[in-house]
């Protein structure tokens, strides 16, 4: 499906909207009581009863390896299930990759968290009360900048959008191809909100700017830095940042769907440059488990930087959760502390994380949970998977 058919606006979720599901190849029961995987499977199946076509759950345990559960369908036209090695658009999980690169640059002495955005990107954050000298790199990472999201309702003015392209903020038409500076320009057409340093107020603008900052200080695109610093060293063969104008998902994947009016529309293909370093990446659940495990084990950044990433403030998108520097902390029903992120982009919702024992979980659905009961069902799946014995 082409972008001109869609009217979807980026729905960035986080680990608070833990959505997703699956059918599967779990362990068989050893007694009359259902095995943990069977109990989780039941919750996965329940997701598809709430308007979500299909769901996949990837669980990685130290010493046990990775297993996949799934439910529903990955293609409503053929009724084929979601492939076990399915790639998906991972939305705002991209932010965790960007944050990791920034923290590596901090480790290298190239970037300072307390330095202003104006220092690194002079003249970019300006106008309508926006002032880059008052916003630090840490503010961008933690969403304490006060900068308005370029996807906010009413954010796109006709004069700021090239003819024939999507109105980013209004959702009246989906976007064509956008450069990061154009997305920031839309954000700068809006007055900033209060910069509450003690609360994360989610704004995709922050991570577009961080992507621009990475390119400014390294001389290379953020996508290239992600590849050389994270994807290649970890062997994430199914993870990538789409190339310019790339519209299809490489390799095996489910179809993604989004409700537009009364119709559920296939939005699998499309130019997602409008999400860029705030949410454009593609990965498998297994690769996300590998990435978050490595990050939280301290393989990608120093222990000092990891400790800073885990310093949190309250989070406007998840009242029960807390936001660090590109990481979200979620507390499970069984008392486990889970660290990850999560993401939603029209067609796909992906979330999960890693607990303190090293269990990693990633759930993916091919329709963003929109209703309260579908969001709750998704949260229950992640919680059940994390708390299963």
Protein backbone atom coordinates (compact mmCIF):
# COMPACT_ATOMS: atom_id res chain seq x y z
CA UNK A 1 0.00 0.00 0.00
CA UNK A 2 1.30 3.46 -0.88
CA UNK A 3 1.57 6.33 1.56
CA UNK A 4 -1.06 8.31 -0.28
CA UNK A 5 -3.71 5.88 0.92
CA UNK A 6 -2.92 6.31 4.60
CA UNK A 7 -4.03 8.82 7.17
CA UNK A 8 -2.04 7.48 10.08
CA UNK A 9 -0.05 9.59 12.50
CA UNK A 10 2.86 8.10 14.44
CA UNK A 11 1.51 6.59 17.61
CA UNK A 12 4.60 6.32 19.73
CA UNK A 13 4.10 4.07 22.69
CA UNK A 14 6.52 2.91 25.29
CA UNK A 15 6.94 -0.03 27.55
CA UNK A 16 3.85 1.26 29.34
CA UNK A 17 1.77 0.14 26.37
CA UNK A 18 3.15 -3.38 26.43
CA UNK A 19 1.20 -4.85 23.58
CA UNK A 20 1.40 -8.01 21.61
CA UNK A 21 0.94 -11.73 21.46
CA UNK A 22 1.35 -15.27 19.97
CA UNK A 23 0.54 -19.16 19.33
CA UNK A 24 3.07 -21.80 19.84
CA UNK A 25 6.02 -23.79 20.25
CA UNK A 26 6.20 -23.65 24.01
CA UNK A 27 6.90 -26.44 26.47
CA UNK A 28 4.37 -29.19 26.99
CA UNK A 29 2.71 -29.46 30.37
CA UNK A 30 4.42 -31.66 32.94
CA UNK A 31 1.41 -31.98 35.20
CA UNK A 32 -2.28 -31.23 35.36
CA UNK A 33 -1.46 -27.55 35.93
CA UNK A 34 -0.71 -25.62 32.75
CA UNK A 35 2.94 -24.89 32.03
CA UNK A 36 4.04 -21.24 32.22
CA UNK A 37 4.13 -20.99 28.43
CA UNK A 38 0.61 -22.39 28.13
CA UNK A 39 -0.64 -19.88 30.67
CA UNK A 40 1.05 -17.06 28.73
CA UNK A 41 -0.36 -18.46 25.48
CA UNK A 42 -3.86 -18.10 26.82
CA UNK A 43 -3.27 -14.40 27.39
CA UNK A 44 -1.74 -14.05 23.94
CA UNK A 45 -4.80 -15.63 22.36
CA UNK A 46 -6.98 -13.13 24.22
CA UNK A 47 -5.29 -10.24 22.39
CA UNK A 48 -6.67 -11.37 19.05
CA UNK A 49 -10.16 -11.29 20.52
CA UNK A 50 -9.80 -7.52 20.90
CA UNK A 51 -9.40 -6.53 17.28
CA UNK A 52 -5.67 -7.26 16.88
CA UNK A 53 -5.07 -9.54 13.84
CA UNK A 54 -1.92 -11.21 15.08
CA UNK A 55 0.69 -11.25 17.81
CA UNK A 56 4.11 -12.72 18.46
CA UNK A 57 5.99 -13.20 21.73
CA UNK A 58 9.72 -13.90 21.79
CA UNK A 59 11.17 -15.02 25.12
CA UNK A 60 14.91 -15.40 25.72
CA UNK A 61 16.14 -16.98 28.95
CA UNK A 62 19.78 -17.36 30.05
CA UNK A 63 20.78 -20.97 29.55
CA UNK A 64 17.52 -21.89 27.85
CA UNK A 65 17.71 -19.96 24.62
CA UNK A 66 14.91 -18.34 22.68
CA UNK A 67 11.38 -19.57 22.05
CA UNK A 68 8.51 -18.04 20.11
CA UNK A 69 4.80 -18.01 20.81
CA UNK A 70 2.23 -16.57 18.43
CA UNK A 71 -1.47 -16.02 17.95
CA UNK A 72 -3.81 -14.90 15.21
CA UNK A 73 -2.69 -14.06 11.70
CA UNK A 74 0.14 -12.14 10.12
CA UNK A 75 -1.79 -11.61 6.90
CA UNK A 76 -5.56 -11.20 6.90
CA UNK A 77 -5.74 -11.89 3.16
CA UNK A 78 -4.07 -15.31 3.35
CA UNK A 79 -4.52 -16.14 7.06
CA UNK A 80 -0.83 -17.03 7.29
CA UNK A 81 0.65 -16.78 10.80
CA UNK A 82 3.37 -14.33 11.75
CA UNK A 83 6.71 -15.94 10.80
CA UNK A 84 8.89 -16.90 13.77
CA UNK A 85 11.69 -14.71 12.37
CA UNK A 86 9.42 -11.85 11.37
CA UNK A 87 10.83 -8.37 11.03
CA UNK A 88 8.63 -5.54 12.26
CA UNK A 89 8.77 -1.77 12.41
CA UNK A 90 9.85 -1.22 16.01
CA UNK A 91 8.78 2.42 16.39
CA UNK A 92 10.19 4.14 19.45
CA UNK A 93 12.47 1.27 20.39
CA UNK A 94 14.63 3.19 17.93
CA UNK A 95 15.10 5.75 20.70
CA UNK A 96 16.97 3.23 22.83
CA UNK A 97 19.46 2.69 19.97
CA UNK A 98 19.91 6.44 19.57
CA UNK A 99 20.38 6.90 23.32
CA UNK A 100 22.99 4.14 23.36
CA UNK A 101 25.02 5.83 20.63
CA UNK A 102 24.82 9.15 22.49
CA UNK A 103 26.04 7.53 25.71
CA UNK A 104 28.91 5.88 23.85
CA UNK A 105 29.87 9.35 22.58
CA UNK A 106 29.70 10.58 26.19
CA UNK A 107 32.04 7.74 27.19
CA UNK A 108 34.39 8.87 24.42
CA UNK A 109 34.34 12.48 25.61
CA UNK A 110 32.73 13.71 22.38
CA UNK A 111 29.37 14.66 23.90
CA UNK A 112 28.53 16.14 27.30
CA UNK A 113 25.05 15.54 28.75
CA UNK A 114 24.94 18.92 30.44
CA UNK A 115 25.86 20.93 27.36
CA UNK A 116 23.17 22.80 25.46
CA UNK A 117 21.66 21.77 22.14
CA UNK A 118 22.60 25.24 20.86
CA UNK A 119 26.27 24.34 21.34
CA UNK A 120 26.00 21.29 19.08
CA UNK A 121 23.27 22.45 16.69
CA UNK A 122 23.47 26.27 16.62
CA UNK A 123 20.35 28.05 15.44
CA UNK A 124 18.28 24.87 15.03
CA UNK A 125 16.15 25.15 18.18
CA UNK A 126 14.85 28.69 17.88
CA UNK A 127 11.70 30.72 17.26
CA UNK A 128 8.27 30.89 18.90
CA UNK A 129 9.84 30.79 22.34
CA UNK A 130 12.06 27.78 21.59
CA UNK A 131 15.60 28.33 22.83
CA UNK A 132 18.29 25.71 22.31
CA UNK A 133 20.54 27.35 24.89
CA UNK A 134 18.06 26.27 27.60
CA UNK A 135 17.87 22.63 26.48
CA UNK A 136 20.62 20.16 27.29
CA UNK A 137 21.48 16.82 25.70
CA UNK A 138 20.19 15.16 28.88
CA UNK A 139 16.87 16.98 28.44
CA UNK A 140 16.51 15.54 24.95
CA UNK A 141 17.29 12.02 26.13
CA UNK A 142 14.86 12.21 29.06
CA UNK A 143 12.06 14.19 27.39
CA UNK A 144 12.46 17.08 29.83
CA UNK A 145 13.18 19.64 27.10
CA UNK A 146 9.67 21.10 26.87
CA UNK A 147 9.95 21.01 23.06
CA UNK A 148 6.64 20.30 21.37
CA UNK A 149 6.23 17.09 19.39
CA UNK A 150 6.20 17.72 15.65
CA UNK A 151 3.34 15.21 15.52
CA UNK A 152 1.23 17.23 17.94
CA UNK A 153 -2.29 18.11 16.67
CA UNK A 154 -2.12 21.28 14.62
CA UNK A 155 1.65 21.23 14.51
CA UNK A 156 2.02 21.23 10.75
CA UNK A 157 1.26 24.49 8.98
CA UNK A 158 0.52 24.40 5.25
CA UNK A 159 3.48 26.65 4.50
CA UNK A 160 5.83 24.31 6.35
CA UNK A 161 4.96 21.24 4.28
CA UNK A 162 5.93 20.79 0.66
CA UNK A 163 2.95 20.46 -1.73
CA UNK A 164 1.60 16.94 -2.08
CA UNK A 165 3.15 15.65 1.12
CA UNK A 166 1.59 14.47 4.31
CA UNK A 167 0.46 16.86 6.96
CA UNK A 168 2.61 15.38 9.70
CA UNK A 169 0.76 16.68 12.70
CA UNK A 170 -2.82 16.83 11.51
CA UNK A 171 -2.94 13.34 10.04
CA UNK A 172 -5.06 14.62 7.14
CA UNK A 173 -2.80 12.85 4.67
CA UNK A 174 0.17 10.60 5.36
CA UNK A 175 3.58 12.03 4.65
CA UNK A 176 5.86 11.61 1.72
CA UNK A 177 9.60 11.89 2.29
CA UNK A 178 10.91 14.17 5.04
CA UNK A 179 14.35 15.24 6.13
CA UNK A 180 15.04 15.60 9.89
CA UNK A 181 15.47 19.37 9.62
CA UNK A 182 11.98 19.62 8.12
CA UNK A 183 10.49 17.74 11.07
CA UNK A 184 12.29 20.03 13.51
CA UNK A 185 11.04 23.05 11.56
CA UNK A 186 7.49 21.87 12.15
CA UNK A 187 8.22 21.57 15.88
CA UNK A 188 9.74 25.04 15.93
CA UNK A 189 6.51 26.45 14.45
CA UNK A 190 4.96 25.61 17.83
CA UNK A 191 5.58 27.25 21.16
CA UNK A 192 7.28 24.97 23.69
CA UNK A 193 5.54 23.66 26.76
CA UNK A 194 6.91 24.13 30.27
CA UNK A 195 10.27 22.40 30.62
CA UNK A 196 9.55 20.38 33.73
CA UNK A 197 12.90 18.88 34.64
CA UNK A 198 11.25 16.45 37.06
CA UNK A 199 8.87 14.83 34.54
CA UNK A 200 9.31 13.23 31.14
CA UNK A 201 6.86 14.80 28.68
CA UNK A 202 7.19 12.62 25.60
CA UNK A 203 8.17 14.39 22.38
CA UNK A 204 9.52 12.76 19.24
CA UNK A 205 11.23 16.06 18.41
CA UNK A 206 13.84 15.31 21.07
CA UNK A 207 15.10 12.21 19.29
CA UNK A 208 15.07 13.77 15.84
CA UNK A 209 17.43 16.37 17.28
CA UNK A 210 19.60 13.67 18.87
CA UNK A 211 19.94 11.99 15.48
CA UNK A 212 21.03 15.31 14.00
CA UNK A 213 23.47 15.79 16.88
CA UNK A 214 25.05 12.38 16.25
CA UNK A 215 25.64 13.27 12.61
CA UNK A 216 27.04 16.69 13.54
CA UNK A 217 29.65 15.39 16.00
CA UNK A 218 30.65 12.22 14.13
CA UNK A 219 30.32 13.39 10.54
CA UNK A 220 28.28 10.29 9.76
CA UNK A 221 24.51 9.66 9.66
CA UNK A 222 22.97 8.30 12.84
CA UNK A 223 21.88 5.18 10.95
CA UNK A 224 25.51 4.43 10.08
CA UNK A 225 26.62 4.97 13.67
CA UNK A 226 23.90 2.60 14.90
CA UNK A 227 25.08 -0.03 12.43
CA UNK A 228 28.80 0.21 13.23
CA UNK A 229 28.43 0.65 16.98
CA UNK A 230 25.52 -1.68 17.79
CA UNK A 231 24.09 -3.77 14.96
CA UNK A 232 27.36 -5.15 13.58
CA UNK A 233 29.12 -5.87 16.91
CA UNK A 234 26.06 -7.67 18.28
CA UNK A 235 25.41 -9.56 15.05
CA UNK A 236 21.86 -8.24 14.72
CA UNK A 237 21.47 -9.52 11.18
CA UNK A 238 17.74 -8.75 11.02
CA UNK A 239 17.91 -5.20 12.39
CA UNK A 240 18.31 -2.14 10.20
CA UNK A 241 17.49 1.50 9.64
CA UNK A 242 15.53 1.90 6.36
CA UNK A 243 17.37 3.62 3.56
CA UNK A 244 16.18 6.86 2.01
CA UNK A 245 12.89 6.25 0.23
CA UNK A 246 12.79 2.57 1.23
CA UNK A 247 9.15 1.54 1.61
CA UNK A 248 9.13 -2.25 2.03
CA UNK A 249 10.18 -4.38 5.00
CA UNK A 250 13.09 -6.64 4.12
CA UNK A 251 12.85 -10.37 4.71
CA UNK A 252 10.02 -12.31 6.40
CA UNK A 253 7.43 -10.09 8.06
CA UNK A 254 3.80 -9.81 9.01
CA UNK A 255 1.47 -7.34 7.38
CA UNK A 256 0.71 -4.31 9.52
CA UNK A 257 -2.77 -2.81 9.83
CA UNK A 258 -4.20 0.50 10.99
CA UNK A 259 -7.79 1.60 11.44
CA UNK A 260 -8.71 4.56 9.26
CA UNK A 261 -12.33 5.53 9.82
CA UNK A 262 -14.32 2.32 9.73
CA UNK A 263 -11.76 0.38 7.73
CA UNK A 264 -8.75 -1.67 8.79
CA UNK A 265 -6.15 -0.78 6.17
CA UNK A 266 -2.93 -2.59 5.26
CA UNK A 267 -0.14 -0.08 6.00
CA UNK A 268 2.81 -2.47 5.76
CA UNK A 269 4.59 -0.49 3.06
CA UNK A 270 5.42 3.18 3.15
CA UNK A 271 8.11 5.81 3.56
CA UNK A 272 8.67 6.19 7.32
CA UNK A 273 11.20 9.01 7.05
CA UNK A 274 8.71 11.03 9.12
CA UNK A 275 9.64 8.81 12.08
CA UNK A 276 13.41 8.88 11.39
CA UNK A 277 15.56 8.62 14.53
CA UNK A 278 12.45 8.79 16.71
CA UNK A 279 11.00 5.55 15.37
CA UNK A 280 11.91 4.27 11.88
CA UNK A 281 13.95 1.13 12.60
CA UNK A 282 13.08 -2.50 11.78
CA UNK A 283 14.07 -5.57 13.82
CA UNK A 284 13.01 -9.03 14.94
CA UNK A 285 11.92 -9.80 18.48
CA UNK A 286 15.02 -11.96 18.95
CA UNK A 287 17.31 -9.12 17.89
CA UNK A 288 15.58 -6.71 20.26
CA UNK A 289 16.08 -9.19 23.10
CA UNK A 290 19.77 -9.41 22.22
CA UNK A 291 20.14 -5.63 22.06
CA UNK A 292 18.43 -4.83 25.36
CA UNK A 293 20.22 -7.70 27.13
CA UNK A 294 23.61 -6.43 25.93
CA UNK A 295 22.79 -2.84 26.86
CA UNK A 296 21.59 -3.68 30.35
CA UNK A 297 24.51 -6.03 30.95
CA UNK A 298 26.89 -3.15 30.29
CA UNK A 299 28.28 -4.49 27.01
CA UNK A 300 27.52 -1.33 25.01
CA UNK A 301 28.20 1.52 27.43
CA UNK A 302 30.22 1.91 30.59
CA UNK A 303 28.66 1.10 33.94
CA UNK A 304 28.67 4.80 34.80
CA UNK A 305 26.74 5.66 31.64
CA UNK A 306 24.33 2.79 32.19
CA UNK A 307 23.68 4.04 35.71
CA UNK A 308 22.85 7.45 34.25
CA UNK A 309 20.50 5.89 31.71
CA UNK A 310 18.63 4.27 34.63
CA UNK A 311 18.15 7.53 36.56
CA UNK A 312 14.45 8.12 36.02
CA UNK A 313 11.74 10.73 36.36
CA UNK A 314 7.95 10.26 36.29
CA UNK A 315 6.59 9.64 32.82
CA UNK A 316 3.51 11.27 31.29
CA UNK A 317 2.83 8.31 28.96
CA UNK A 318 3.02 5.74 31.75
CA UNK A 319 1.93 6.85 35.21
CA UNK A 320 3.12 3.57 36.73
CA UNK A 321 6.42 3.67 34.89
CA UNK A 322 9.49 5.92 34.88
CA UNK A 323 11.67 7.29 32.08
CA UNK A 324 15.45 7.33 32.13
CA UNK A 325 17.76 8.29 29.28
CA UNK A 326 16.22 6.29 26.46
CA UNK A 327 15.12 3.53 28.84
CA UNK A 328 11.80 2.91 30.58
CA UNK A 329 11.46 1.16 33.94
CA UNK A 330 8.34 -0.96 34.41
CA UNK A 331 7.44 -2.75 37.62
CA UNK A 332 5.77 -6.13 37.14
CA UNK A 333 2.98 -7.68 39.23
CA UNK A 334 5.47 -10.15 40.70
CA UNK A 335 7.86 -7.43 41.82
CA UNK A 336 10.38 -7.81 39.01
CA UNK A 337 11.94 -4.63 37.65
CA UNK A 338 11.86 -4.52 33.84
CA UNK A 339 13.96 -2.22 31.69
CA UNK A 340 13.27 -1.60 28.00
CA UNK A 341 11.41 0.87 25.87
CA UNK A 342 8.66 -0.04 23.44
CA UNK A 343 7.24 1.50 20.32
CA UNK A 344 4.24 1.95 18.10
CA UNK A 345 4.02 3.01 14.49
CA UNK A 346 0.98 2.56 12.26
CA UNK A 347 0.80 -1.17 11.58
CA UNK A 348 3.00 -2.41 14.41
CA UNK A 349 3.34 -2.26 18.18
CA UNK A 350 6.44 -3.67 19.85
CA UNK A 351 7.43 -3.74 23.51
CA UNK A 352 9.00 -5.71 26.30
CA UNK A 353 12.30 -5.53 28.10
CA UNK A 354 14.77 -7.36 30.32
CA UNK A 355 14.41 -8.24 33.99
CA UNK A 356 17.20 -8.32 36.57
CA UNK A 357 17.65 -12.08 36.06
CA UNK A 358 18.32 -11.64 32.35
CA UNK A 359 14.99 -12.82 30.97
CA UNK A 360 14.24 -10.82 27.82
CA UNK A 361 10.78 -10.53 26.30
CA UNK A 362 9.62 -8.85 23.11
CA UNK A 363 6.03 -8.78 21.99
CA UNK A 364 4.86 -7.58 18.62
CA UNK A 365 1.35 -6.99 17.30
CA UNK A 366 0.45 -6.04 13.74
CA UNK A 367 -2.07 -3.41 14.81
CA UNK A 368 -1.41 -0.85 17.55
CA UNK A 369 -3.69 -1.54 20.52
CA UNK A 370 -5.99 1.46 20.70
CA UNK A 371 -8.81 0.58 23.11
CA UNK A 372 -8.29 0.42 26.86
CA UNK A 373 -9.05 -3.29 26.98
CA UNK A 374 -6.63 -4.13 24.15
CA UNK A 375 -3.87 -2.11 25.84
CA UNK A 376 -4.61 -3.88 29.11
CA UNK A 377 -4.56 -7.29 27.43
CA UNK A 378 -1.18 -6.50 25.92
CA UNK A 379 0.24 -5.36 29.25
CA UNK A 380 -0.98 -8.59 30.80
CA UNK A 381 0.90 -10.63 28.21
CA UNK A 382 4.24 -8.97 28.93
CA UNK A 383 3.65 -9.16 32.66
CA UNK A 384 2.72 -12.85 32.48
CA UNK A 385 5.75 -13.65 30.36
CA UNK A 386 8.07 -11.88 32.76
CA UNK A 387 6.52 -13.41 35.86
CA UNK A 388 6.19 -17.00 34.60
CA UNK A 389 8.38 -19.50 36.43
